C-alpha cells in the first residue's frame, strides 16, 4: 500500500485528495497536514479516522511514502525541506513559484523523487502535447491567444497551467515566452505584433478551471480547449504521479513523464 500524506487538507483541493486516496485500493491516508491555526478539519476527520491530522510536518511525514501538496509556495518550501530530509517523495501541484524556489525544488530532486507540474489533469497534459504539434503546424500566419478562467479564490494569474501552455507554444515555435508574452491590453495598444502570445484571465464564481488556446488565422480559427468540472480530475492525476514515483526513485519529473508523453 502506498502511504500518502495530503498537505492543505482543510482546503477544497485537500479534501478532494483525501477522498481520492480513500477510494484508491492501493493507497492509504497516512496523515493529513493543516497549517497551524487553520480551518476546522472536522468535515473530513471522520473519513480520516485514526489518521494524524495536524501541523507537525516531521510527525506527519514519518513513515510516509509520498506527500501530495497543492498549497502555496511558502508552505510547499517548508514541506520540501522535510521531505528531502526524511526521504519522502513529493508530488507538487502548487503554482506561483519564483525562479529561486523552482531551483530549490530541482536541487531537492537529487535526493527524492518529485513530480512538479502546474496541472495534474491527464486531459490537460495531453493538451500540452497537442498544443506542441499545433504550434509547429500553425507557426506562420496564426496569432496565438490563451484564455483561462478560474474560481474567485485563486490568488495567482495567469494560472500556472496557462503559463505552461505559453511555454510549450513558445518552445515549439522557437520563441522565449519571457520575450513574447502579453499579459494585458488596455487603451490604444496599436496593432497586434505577430510574434506575441497573448493571455486573458477570468476570475469568478466556482469555476474549477477552463483553458483555451486560440490559433487565429485569416479565414479560420483553431481552438484547443480543456474544461475541468471537478477537482477530482487533478486528484486522480496526482495519485497517478505518486504511483509513478514509487517505482522510479529520485529525480525531477512532470506529468509528461508520468503519462509517457515525453517522446511522442
C-alpha atoms as a PDB file:
ATOM      1  CA  UNK A   1       0.000   0.000   0.000  1.00  0.00           C
ATOM      2  CA  UNK A   2       1.213   3.496  -0.847  1.00  0.00           C
ATOM      3  CA  UNK A   3       1.246   5.614   2.319  1.00  0.00           C
ATOM      4  CA  UNK A   4       0.105   9.098   1.314  1.00  0.00           C
ATOM      5  CA  UNK A   5       0.242  12.383   3.230  1.00  0.00           C
ATOM      6  CA  UNK A   6      -2.020  15.186   1.998  1.00  0.00           C
ATOM      7  CA  UNK A   7      -0.992  18.812   2.605  1.00  0.00           C
ATOM      8  CA  UNK A   8      -3.539  21.620   2.870  1.00  0.00           C
ATOM      9  CA  UNK A   9      -6.107  19.079   3.956  1.00  0.00           C
ATOM     10  CA  UNK A  10      -8.742  21.541   5.109  1.00  0.00           C
ATOM     11  CA  UNK A  11      -8.898  23.255   1.710  1.00  0.00           C
ATOM     12  CA  UNK A  12     -11.052  22.391  -1.280  1.00  0.00           C
ATOM     13  CA  UNK A  13      -8.319  20.527  -3.116  1.00  0.00           C
ATOM     14  CA  UNK A  14      -7.044  18.877   0.049  1.00  0.00           C
ATOM     15  CA  UNK A  15     -10.430  17.377   0.827  1.00  0.00           C
ATOM     16  CA  UNK A  16     -10.728  16.094  -2.729  1.00  0.00           C
ATOM     17  CA  UNK A  17      -7.300  14.477  -2.468  1.00  0.00           C
ATOM     18  CA  UNK A  18      -8.298  12.714   0.747  1.00  0.00           C
ATOM     19  CA  UNK A  19     -11.433  11.421  -0.955  1.00  0.00           C
ATOM     20  CA  UNK A  20      -9.371  10.134  -3.886  1.00  0.00           C
ATOM     21  CA  UNK A  21      -6.860   8.402  -1.594  1.00  0.00           C
ATOM     22  CA  UNK A  22      -9.639   6.670   0.331  1.00  0.00           C
ATOM     23  CA  UNK A  23     -11.252   5.455  -2.905  1.00  0.00           C
ATOM     24  CA  UNK A  24      -7.954   4.007  -4.201  1.00  0.00           C
ATOM     25  CA  UNK A  25      -7.403   0.329  -3.456  1.00  0.00           C
ATOM     26  CA  UNK A  26      -3.609   0.654  -3.500  1.00  0.00           C
ATOM     27  CA  UNK A  27      -3.295   3.781  -1.301  1.00  0.00           C
ATOM     28  CA  UNK A  28      -3.824   4.593   2.355  1.00  0.00           C
ATOM     29  CA  UNK A  29      -4.070   8.004   4.005  1.00  0.00           C
ATOM     30  CA  UNK A  30      -1.040   8.183   6.298  1.00  0.00           C
ATOM     31  CA  UNK A  31      -1.559  11.737   7.626  1.00  0.00           C
ATOM     32  CA  UNK A  32      -3.356  14.992   6.847  1.00  0.00           C
ATOM     33  CA  UNK A  33      -1.435  18.254   7.192  1.00  0.00           C
ATOM     34  CA  UNK A  34      -3.116  21.548   8.044  1.00  0.00           C
ATOM     35  CA  UNK A  35      -1.470  24.872   8.807  1.00  0.00           C
ATOM     36  CA  UNK A  36      -1.273  25.946  12.437  1.00  0.00           C
ATOM     37  CA  UNK A  37      -4.425  27.876  13.306  1.00  0.00           C
ATOM     38  CA  UNK A  38      -6.018  26.798  10.048  1.00  0.00           C
ATOM     39  CA  UNK A  39      -9.619  25.988   9.237  1.00  0.00           C
ATOM     40  CA  UNK A  40     -11.659  23.422  11.092  1.00  0.00           C
ATOM     41  CA  UNK A  41     -10.951  19.964   9.708  1.00  0.00           C
ATOM     42  CA  UNK A  42     -13.956  18.287  11.245  1.00  0.00           C
ATOM     43  CA  UNK A  43     -15.619  17.755   7.854  1.00  0.00           C
ATOM     44  CA  UNK A  44     -13.094  15.139   6.873  1.00  0.00           C
ATOM     45  CA  UNK A  45     -11.866  13.949  10.266  1.00  0.00           C
ATOM     46  CA  UNK A  46     -14.404  11.133  10.338  1.00  0.00           C
ATOM     47  CA  UNK A  47     -13.305   9.904   6.920  1.00  0.00           C
ATOM     48  CA  UNK A  48      -9.697  10.009   8.085  1.00  0.00           C
ATOM     49  CA  UNK A  49     -10.448   8.136  11.309  1.00  0.00           C
ATOM     50  CA  UNK A  50      -7.298   7.058  13.124  1.00  0.00           C
ATOM     51  CA  UNK A  51      -5.113   9.279  10.944  1.00  0.00           C
ATOM     52  CA  UNK A  52      -2.948  12.078  12.336  1.00  0.00           C
ATOM     53  CA  UNK A  53      -4.382  15.499  11.469  1.00  0.00           C
ATOM     54  CA  UNK A  54      -2.240  18.486  12.393  1.00  0.00           C
ATOM     55  CA  UNK A  55       0.519  20.961  11.575  1.00  0.00           C
ATOM     56  CA  UNK A  56       3.556  18.908  12.719  1.00  0.00           C
ATOM     57  CA  UNK A  57       5.293  18.285   9.397  1.00  0.00           C
ATOM     58  CA  UNK A  58       8.022  15.849  10.586  1.00  0.00           C
ATOM     59  CA  UNK A  59       5.483  13.786  12.546  1.00  0.00           C
ATOM     60  CA  UNK A  60       3.124  13.612   9.562  1.00  0.00           C
ATOM     61  CA  UNK A  61       5.881  12.523   7.185  1.00  0.00           C
ATOM     62  CA  UNK A  62       7.440   9.895   9.449  1.00  0.00           C
ATOM     63  CA  UNK A  63       6.952   6.536   7.749  1.00  0.00           C
ATOM     64  CA  UNK A  64       5.213   8.015   4.691  1.00  0.00           C
ATOM     65  CA  UNK A  65       5.946   7.181   1.066  1.00  0.00           C
ATOM     66  CA  UNK A  66       4.762  10.387  -0.599  1.00  0.00           C
ATOM     67  CA  UNK A  67       3.400  13.854   0.174  1.00  0.00           C
ATOM     68  CA  UNK A  68       0.885  15.422  -2.204  1.00  0.00           C
ATOM     69  CA  UNK A  69       0.994  19.214  -1.979  1.00  0.00           C
ATOM     70  CA  UNK A  70      -1.473  21.648  -3.584  1.00  0.00           C
ATOM     71  CA  UNK A  71      -0.932  24.602  -1.225  1.00  0.00           C
ATOM     72  CA  UNK A  72       1.035  27.863  -1.502  1.00  0.00           C
ATOM     73  CA  UNK A  73       4.699  28.318  -2.459  1.00  0.00           C
ATOM     74  CA  UNK A  74       5.815  29.290   1.049  1.00  0.00           C
ATOM     75  CA  UNK A  75       4.159  26.204   2.565  1.00  0.00           C
ATOM     76  CA  UNK A  76       5.492  23.914  -0.153  1.00  0.00           C
ATOM     77  CA  UNK A  77       9.040  25.090   0.570  1.00  0.00           C
ATOM     78  CA  UNK A  78       8.650  24.010   4.209  1.00  0.00           C
ATOM     79  CA  UNK A  79       7.280  20.633   3.157  1.00  0.00           C
ATOM     80  CA  UNK A  80      10.048  20.229   0.575  1.00  0.00           C
ATOM     81  CA  UNK A  81      12.792  20.623   3.179  1.00  0.00           C
ATOM     82  CA  UNK A  82      11.312  17.923   5.405  1.00  0.00           C
ATOM     83  CA  UNK A  83      10.644  15.552   2.512  1.00  0.00           C
ATOM     84  CA  UNK A  84      14.260  15.903   1.444  1.00  0.00           C
ATOM     85  CA  UNK A  85      15.498  15.299   4.991  1.00  0.00           C
ATOM     86  CA  UNK A  86      13.296  12.247   5.575  1.00  0.00           C
ATOM     87  CA  UNK A  87      13.493  10.766   2.066  1.00  0.00           C
ATOM     88  CA  UNK A  88       9.798  11.153   1.251  1.00  0.00           C
ATOM     89  CA  UNK A  89       8.734  11.563  -2.375  1.00  0.00           C
ATOM     90  CA  UNK A  90       6.745  14.664  -3.274  1.00  0.00           C
ATOM     91  CA  UNK A  91       4.003  15.471  -5.781  1.00  0.00           C
ATOM     92  CA  UNK A  92       3.744  19.263  -6.212  1.00  0.00           C
ATOM     93  CA  UNK A  93       0.646  20.783  -7.754  1.00  0.00           C
ATOM     94  CA  UNK A  94       1.233  24.195  -6.187  1.00  0.00           C
ATOM     95  CA  UNK A  95       1.671  27.139  -8.583  1.00  0.00           C
ATOM     96  CA  UNK A  96       3.131  30.646  -8.293  1.00  0.00           C
ATOM     97  CA  UNK A  97       6.777  29.769  -7.548  1.00  0.00           C
ATOM     98  CA  UNK A  98       9.564  32.216  -8.345  1.00  0.00           C
ATOM     99  CA  UNK A  99      12.817  31.217 -10.066  1.00  0.00           C
ATOM    100  CA  UNK A 100      14.695  30.700  -6.796  1.00  0.00           C
ATOM    101  CA  UNK A 101      12.007  28.397  -5.420  1.00  0.00           C
ATOM    102  CA  UNK A 102      11.954  26.363  -8.638  1.00  0.00           C
ATOM    103  CA  UNK A 103      15.725  25.954  -8.380  1.00  0.00           C
ATOM    104  CA  UNK A 104      15.324  24.739  -4.797  1.00  0.00           C
ATOM    105  CA  UNK A 105      12.807  22.113  -5.940  1.00  0.00           C
ATOM    106  CA  UNK A 106      15.212  20.917  -8.640  1.00  0.00           C
ATOM    107  CA  UNK A 107      18.025  20.640  -6.100  1.00  0.00           C
ATOM    108  CA  UNK A 108      15.885  18.576  -3.705  1.00  0.00           C
ATOM    109  CA  UNK A 109      15.075  16.152  -6.529  1.00  0.00           C
ATOM    110  CA  UNK A 110      18.659  14.902  -6.378  1.00  0.00           C
ATOM    111  CA  UNK A 111      17.678  13.112  -3.158  1.00  0.00           C
ATOM    112  CA  UNK A 112      13.968  12.337  -3.514  1.00  0.00           C
ATOM    113  CA  UNK A 113      11.520  11.752  -6.311  1.00  0.00           C
ATOM    114  CA  UNK A 114       9.475  14.823  -7.269  1.00  0.00           C
ATOM    115  CA  UNK A 115       6.704  15.264  -9.808  1.00  0.00           C
ATOM    116  CA  UNK A 116       6.313  19.018 -10.292  1.00  0.00           C
ATOM    117  CA  UNK A 117       3.528  20.113 -12.623  1.00  0.00           C
ATOM    118  CA  UNK A 118       1.201  23.132 -12.733  1.00  0.00           C
ATOM    119  CA  UNK A 119      -1.718  20.847 -13.582  1.00  0.00           C
ATOM    120  CA  UNK A 120      -2.115  17.168 -12.720  1.00  0.00           C
ATOM    121  CA  UNK A 121      -5.064  16.536 -15.037  1.00  0.00           C
ATOM    122  CA  UNK A 122      -4.440  13.808 -17.587  1.00  0.00           C
ATOM    123  CA  UNK A 123      -6.503  15.746 -20.139  1.00  0.00           C
ATOM    124  CA  UNK A 124      -4.579  18.978 -19.659  1.00  0.00           C
ATOM    125  CA  UNK A 125      -1.255  17.223 -20.043  1.00  0.00           C
ATOM    126  CA  UNK A 126      -2.449  15.583 -23.227  1.00  0.00           C
ATOM    127  CA  UNK A 127      -3.424  19.106 -24.344  1.00  0.00           C
ATOM    128  CA  UNK A 128       0.166  20.238 -23.869  1.00  0.00           C
ATOM    129  CA  UNK A 129       1.288  17.633 -26.394  1.00  0.00           C
ATOM    130  CA  UNK A 130      -1.498  18.601 -28.822  1.00  0.00           C
ATOM    131  CA  UNK A 131      -0.533  22.271 -28.482  1.00  0.00           C
ATOM    132  CA  UNK A 132       3.079  21.478 -29.304  1.00  0.00           C
ATOM    133  CA  UNK A 133       2.025  19.800 -32.532  1.00  0.00           C
ATOM    134  CA  UNK A 134      -0.487  22.518 -33.440  1.00  0.00           C
ATOM    135  CA  UNK A 135       2.042  25.301 -32.844  1.00  0.00           C
ATOM    136  CA  UNK A 136       4.558  23.693 -35.195  1.00  0.00           C
ATOM    137  CA  UNK A 137       1.979  23.350 -37.965  1.00  0.00           C
ATOM    138  CA  UNK A 138       0.418  26.792 -37.413  1.00  0.00           C
ATOM    139  CA  UNK A 139       3.704  28.624 -36.898  1.00  0.00           C
ATOM    140  CA  UNK A 140       3.128  31.147 -39.690  1.00  0.00           C
ATOM    141  CA  UNK A 141       0.076  33.326 -40.244  1.00  0.00           C
ATOM    142  CA  UNK A 142      -1.717  32.478 -36.992  1.00  0.00           C
ATOM    143  CA  UNK A 143      -1.974  34.621 -33.863  1.00  0.00           C
ATOM    144  CA  UNK A 144      -1.903  32.735 -30.550  1.00  0.00           C
ATOM    145  CA  UNK A 145      -4.059  33.724 -27.583  1.00  0.00           C
ATOM    146  CA  UNK A 146      -4.519  31.854 -24.277  1.00  0.00           C
ATOM    147  CA  UNK A 147      -7.749  32.367 -22.324  1.00  0.00           C
ATOM    148  CA  UNK A 148      -8.131  30.919 -18.829  1.00  0.00           C
ATOM    149  CA  UNK A 149     -10.851  31.067 -16.177  1.00  0.00           C
ATOM    150  CA  UNK A 150     -10.835  30.030 -12.514  1.00  0.00           C
ATOM    151  CA  UNK A 151     -12.837  30.498  -9.326  1.00  0.00           C
ATOM    152  CA  UNK A 152     -12.846  33.749  -7.391  1.00  0.00           C
ATOM    153  CA  UNK A 153     -10.491  32.410  -4.686  1.00  0.00           C
ATOM    154  CA  UNK A 154      -7.490  31.767  -6.952  1.00  0.00           C
ATOM    155  CA  UNK A 155      -4.648  34.085  -5.963  1.00  0.00           C
ATOM    156  CA  UNK A 156      -2.249  33.909  -8.944  1.00  0.00           C
ATOM    157  CA  UNK A 157      -2.776  34.998 -12.549  1.00  0.00           C
ATOM    158  CA  UNK A 158      -2.330  33.860 -15.209  1.00  0.00           C
ATOM    159  CA  UNK A 159      -2.763  30.312 -13.944  1.00  0.00           C
ATOM    160  CA  UNK A 160       0.242  28.032 -13.805  1.00  0.00           C
ATOM    161  CA  UNK A 161      -1.420  25.905 -16.474  1.00  0.00           C
ATOM    162  CA  UNK A 162      -1.838  28.875 -18.807  1.00  0.00           C
ATOM    163  CA  UNK A 163       1.802  29.832 -18.317  1.00  0.00           C
ATOM    164  CA  UNK A 164       2.884  26.270 -19.033  1.00  0.00           C
ATOM    165  CA  UNK A 165       0.788  26.342 -22.205  1.00  0.00           C
ATOM    166  CA  UNK A 166       2.610  29.524 -23.171  1.00  0.00           C
ATOM    167  CA  UNK A 167       5.980  27.879 -22.558  1.00  0.00           C
ATOM    168  CA  UNK A 168       5.012  24.893 -24.701  1.00  0.00           C
ATOM    169  CA  UNK A 169       3.804  27.142 -27.532  1.00  0.00           C
ATOM    170  CA  UNK A 170       6.843  29.389 -27.395  1.00  0.00           C
ATOM    171  CA  UNK A 171       9.241  26.457 -27.307  1.00  0.00           C
ATOM    172  CA  UNK A 172       7.570  24.761 -30.260  1.00  0.00           C
ATOM    173  CA  UNK A 173       7.895  27.916 -32.351  1.00  0.00           C
ATOM    174  CA  UNK A 174      11.442  28.885 -31.378  1.00  0.00           C
ATOM    175  CA  UNK A 175      10.467  31.734 -29.078  1.00  0.00           C
ATOM    176  CA  UNK A 176      11.141  32.656 -25.448  1.00  0.00           C
ATOM    177  CA  UNK A 177       7.907  33.262 -23.546  1.00  0.00           C
ATOM    178  CA  UNK A 178       9.511  35.996 -21.447  1.00  0.00           C
ATOM    179  CA  UNK A 179      10.171  37.957 -24.642  1.00  0.00           C
ATOM    180  CA  UNK A 180       6.844  37.445 -26.433  1.00  0.00           C
ATOM    181  CA  UNK A 181       4.136  37.211 -23.738  1.00  0.00           C
ATOM    182  CA  UNK A 182       1.476  39.934 -23.477  1.00  0.00           C
ATOM    183  CA  UNK A 183      -0.426  39.688 -20.198  1.00  0.00           C
ATOM    184  CA  UNK A 184      -2.902  42.523 -20.576  1.00  0.00           C
ATOM    185  CA  UNK A 185      -4.234  45.043 -23.087  1.00  0.00           C
ATOM    186  CA  UNK A 186      -5.822  48.392 -22.348  1.00  0.00           C
ATOM    187  CA  UNK A 187      -6.214  51.674 -24.192  1.00  0.00           C
ATOM    188  CA  UNK A 188      -4.585  52.401 -27.540  1.00  0.00           C
ATOM    189  CA  UNK A 189      -2.366  49.365 -27.904  1.00  0.00           C
ATOM    190  CA  UNK A 190      -1.579  49.567 -31.601  1.00  0.00           C
ATOM    191  CA  UNK A 191      -1.753  46.591 -33.914  1.00  0.00           C
ATOM    192  CA  UNK A 192      -1.020  43.165 -32.567  1.00  0.00           C
ATOM    193  CA  UNK A 193       2.605  42.107 -33.037  1.00  0.00           C
ATOM    194  CA  UNK A 194       2.672  38.823 -34.934  1.00  0.00           C
ATOM    195  CA  UNK A 195       5.216  37.097 -32.693  1.00  0.00           C
ATOM    196  CA  UNK A 196       3.392  37.718 -29.411  1.00  0.00           C
ATOM    197  CA  UNK A 197       1.442  35.207 -27.314  1.00  0.00           C
ATOM    198  CA  UNK A 198      -1.474  36.843 -25.528  1.00  0.00           C
ATOM    199  CA  UNK A 199      -3.038  35.913 -22.181  1.00  0.00           C
ATOM    200  CA  UNK A 200      -6.532  36.717 -20.930  1.00  0.00           C
ATOM    201  CA  UNK A 201      -7.633  35.921 -17.367  1.00  0.00           C
ATOM    202  CA  UNK A 202     -11.134  35.466 -15.936  1.00  0.00           C
ATOM    203  CA  UNK A 203     -11.886  35.054 -12.224  1.00  0.00           C
ATOM    204  CA  UNK A 204     -15.350  34.335 -10.915  1.00  0.00           C
ATOM    205  CA  UNK A 205     -17.725  32.065  -9.044  1.00  0.00           C
ATOM    206  CA  UNK A 206     -16.751  28.434  -8.613  1.00  0.00           C
ATOM    207  CA  UNK A 207     -15.107  27.783 -11.997  1.00  0.00           C
ATOM    208  CA  UNK A 208     -12.791  24.821 -11.423  1.00  0.00           C
ATOM    209  CA  UNK A 209     -10.527  25.539 -14.399  1.00  0.00           C
ATOM    210  CA  UNK A 210     -11.040  26.349 -18.089  1.00  0.00           C
ATOM    211  CA  UNK A 211      -8.226  26.818 -20.603  1.00  0.00           C
ATOM    212  CA  UNK A 212      -8.479  27.572 -24.314  1.00  0.00           C
ATOM    213  CA  UNK A 213      -5.679  28.253 -26.787  1.00  0.00           C
ATOM    214  CA  UNK A 214      -6.833  30.114 -29.884  1.00  0.00           C
ATOM    215  CA  UNK A 215      -4.873  29.993 -33.147  1.00  0.00           C
ATOM    216  CA  UNK A 216      -6.443  32.786 -35.216  1.00  0.00           C
ATOM    217  CA  UNK A 217      -5.569  32.871 -38.896  1.00  0.00           C
ATOM    218  CA  UNK A 218      -7.100  34.534 -41.943  1.00  0.00           C
ATOM    219  CA  UNK A 219     -10.407  32.846 -42.656  1.00  0.00           C
ATOM    220  CA  UNK A 220     -10.203  30.217 -39.914  1.00  0.00           C
ATOM    221  CA  UNK A 221      -9.606  29.630 -36.216  1.00  0.00           C
ATOM    222  CA  UNK A 222      -8.337  26.537 -34.455  1.00  0.00           C
ATOM    223  CA  UNK A 223      -9.155  26.155 -30.746  1.00  0.00           C
ATOM    224  CA  UNK A 224      -7.830  23.590 -28.289  1.00  0.00           C
ATOM    225  CA  UNK A 225      -9.739  23.648 -25.001  1.00  0.00           C
ATOM    226  CA  UNK A 226      -9.821  21.829 -21.704  1.00  0.00           C
ATOM    227  CA  UNK A 227     -12.555  22.376 -19.132  1.00  0.00           C
ATOM    228  CA  UNK A 228     -12.452  20.805 -15.687  1.00  0.00           C
ATOM    229  CA  UNK A 229     -15.788  20.278 -13.941  1.00  0.00           C
ATOM    230  CA  UNK A 230     -14.427  18.633 -10.798  1.00  0.00           C
ATOM    231  CA  UNK A 231     -11.218  18.800  -8.766  1.00  0.00           C
ATOM    232  CA  UNK A 232     -11.238  15.010  -8.728  1.00  0.00           C
ATOM    233  CA  UNK A 233      -9.501  15.010 -12.116  1.00  0.00           C
ATOM    234  CA  UNK A 234      -6.491  16.743 -10.523  1.00  0.00           C
ATOM    235  CA  UNK A 235      -6.561  14.396  -7.525  1.00  0.00           C
ATOM    236  CA  UNK A 236      -6.602  11.272  -9.701  1.00  0.00           C
ATOM    237  CA  UNK A 237      -3.693  12.639 -11.719  1.00  0.00           C
ATOM    238  CA  UNK A 238      -1.757  13.351  -8.520  1.00  0.00           C
ATOM    239  CA  UNK A 239      -2.227   9.752  -7.365  1.00  0.00           C
ATOM    240  CA  UNK A 240      -1.008   8.559 -10.740  1.00  0.00           C
ATOM    241  CA  UNK A 241       2.093  10.703 -10.199  1.00  0.00           C
ATOM    242  CA  UNK A 242       2.571   9.275  -6.695  1.00  0.00           C
ATOM    243  CA  UNK A 243       2.483   5.715  -8.056  1.00  0.00           C
ATOM    244  CA  UNK A 244       4.992   6.692 -10.756  1.00  0.00           C
ATOM    245  CA  UNK A 245       7.434   7.989  -8.132  1.00  0.00           C
ATOM    246  CA  UNK A 246       7.120   4.838  -6.048  1.00  0.00           C
ATOM    247  CA  UNK A 247       8.527   2.853  -8.972  1.00  0.00           C
ATOM    248  CA  UNK A 248      11.093   5.424 -10.103  1.00  0.00           C
ATOM    249  CA  UNK A 249      13.036   6.914  -7.177  1.00  0.00           C
ATOM    250  CA  UNK A 250      14.926  10.211  -7.045  1.00  0.00           C
ATOM    251  CA  UNK A 251      14.699  12.767  -9.838  1.00  0.00           C
ATOM    252  CA  UNK A 252      12.600  15.677 -11.089  1.00  0.00           C
ATOM    253  CA  UNK A 253       9.697  14.791 -13.390  1.00  0.00           C
ATOM    254  CA  UNK A 254       6.478  16.290 -14.649  1.00  0.00           C
ATOM    255  CA  UNK A 255       3.220  14.795 -15.873  1.00  0.00           C
ATOM    256  CA  UNK A 256       4.615  14.347 -19.384  1.00  0.00           C
ATOM    257  CA  UNK A 257       6.963  11.759 -17.838  1.00  0.00           C
ATOM    258  CA  UNK A 258       4.212  10.192 -15.738  1.00  0.00           C
ATOM    259  CA  UNK A 259       1.944   9.734 -18.769  1.00  0.00           C
ATOM    260  CA  UNK A 260       4.691   8.630 -21.157  1.00  0.00           C
ATOM    261  CA  UNK A 261       4.147  11.627 -23.448  1.00  0.00           C
ATOM    262  CA  UNK A 262       7.698  12.952 -23.391  1.00  0.00           C
ATOM    263  CA  UNK A 263       8.961  11.284 -26.557  1.00  0.00           C
ATOM    264  CA  UNK A 264       5.744  11.034 -28.579  1.00  0.00           C
END
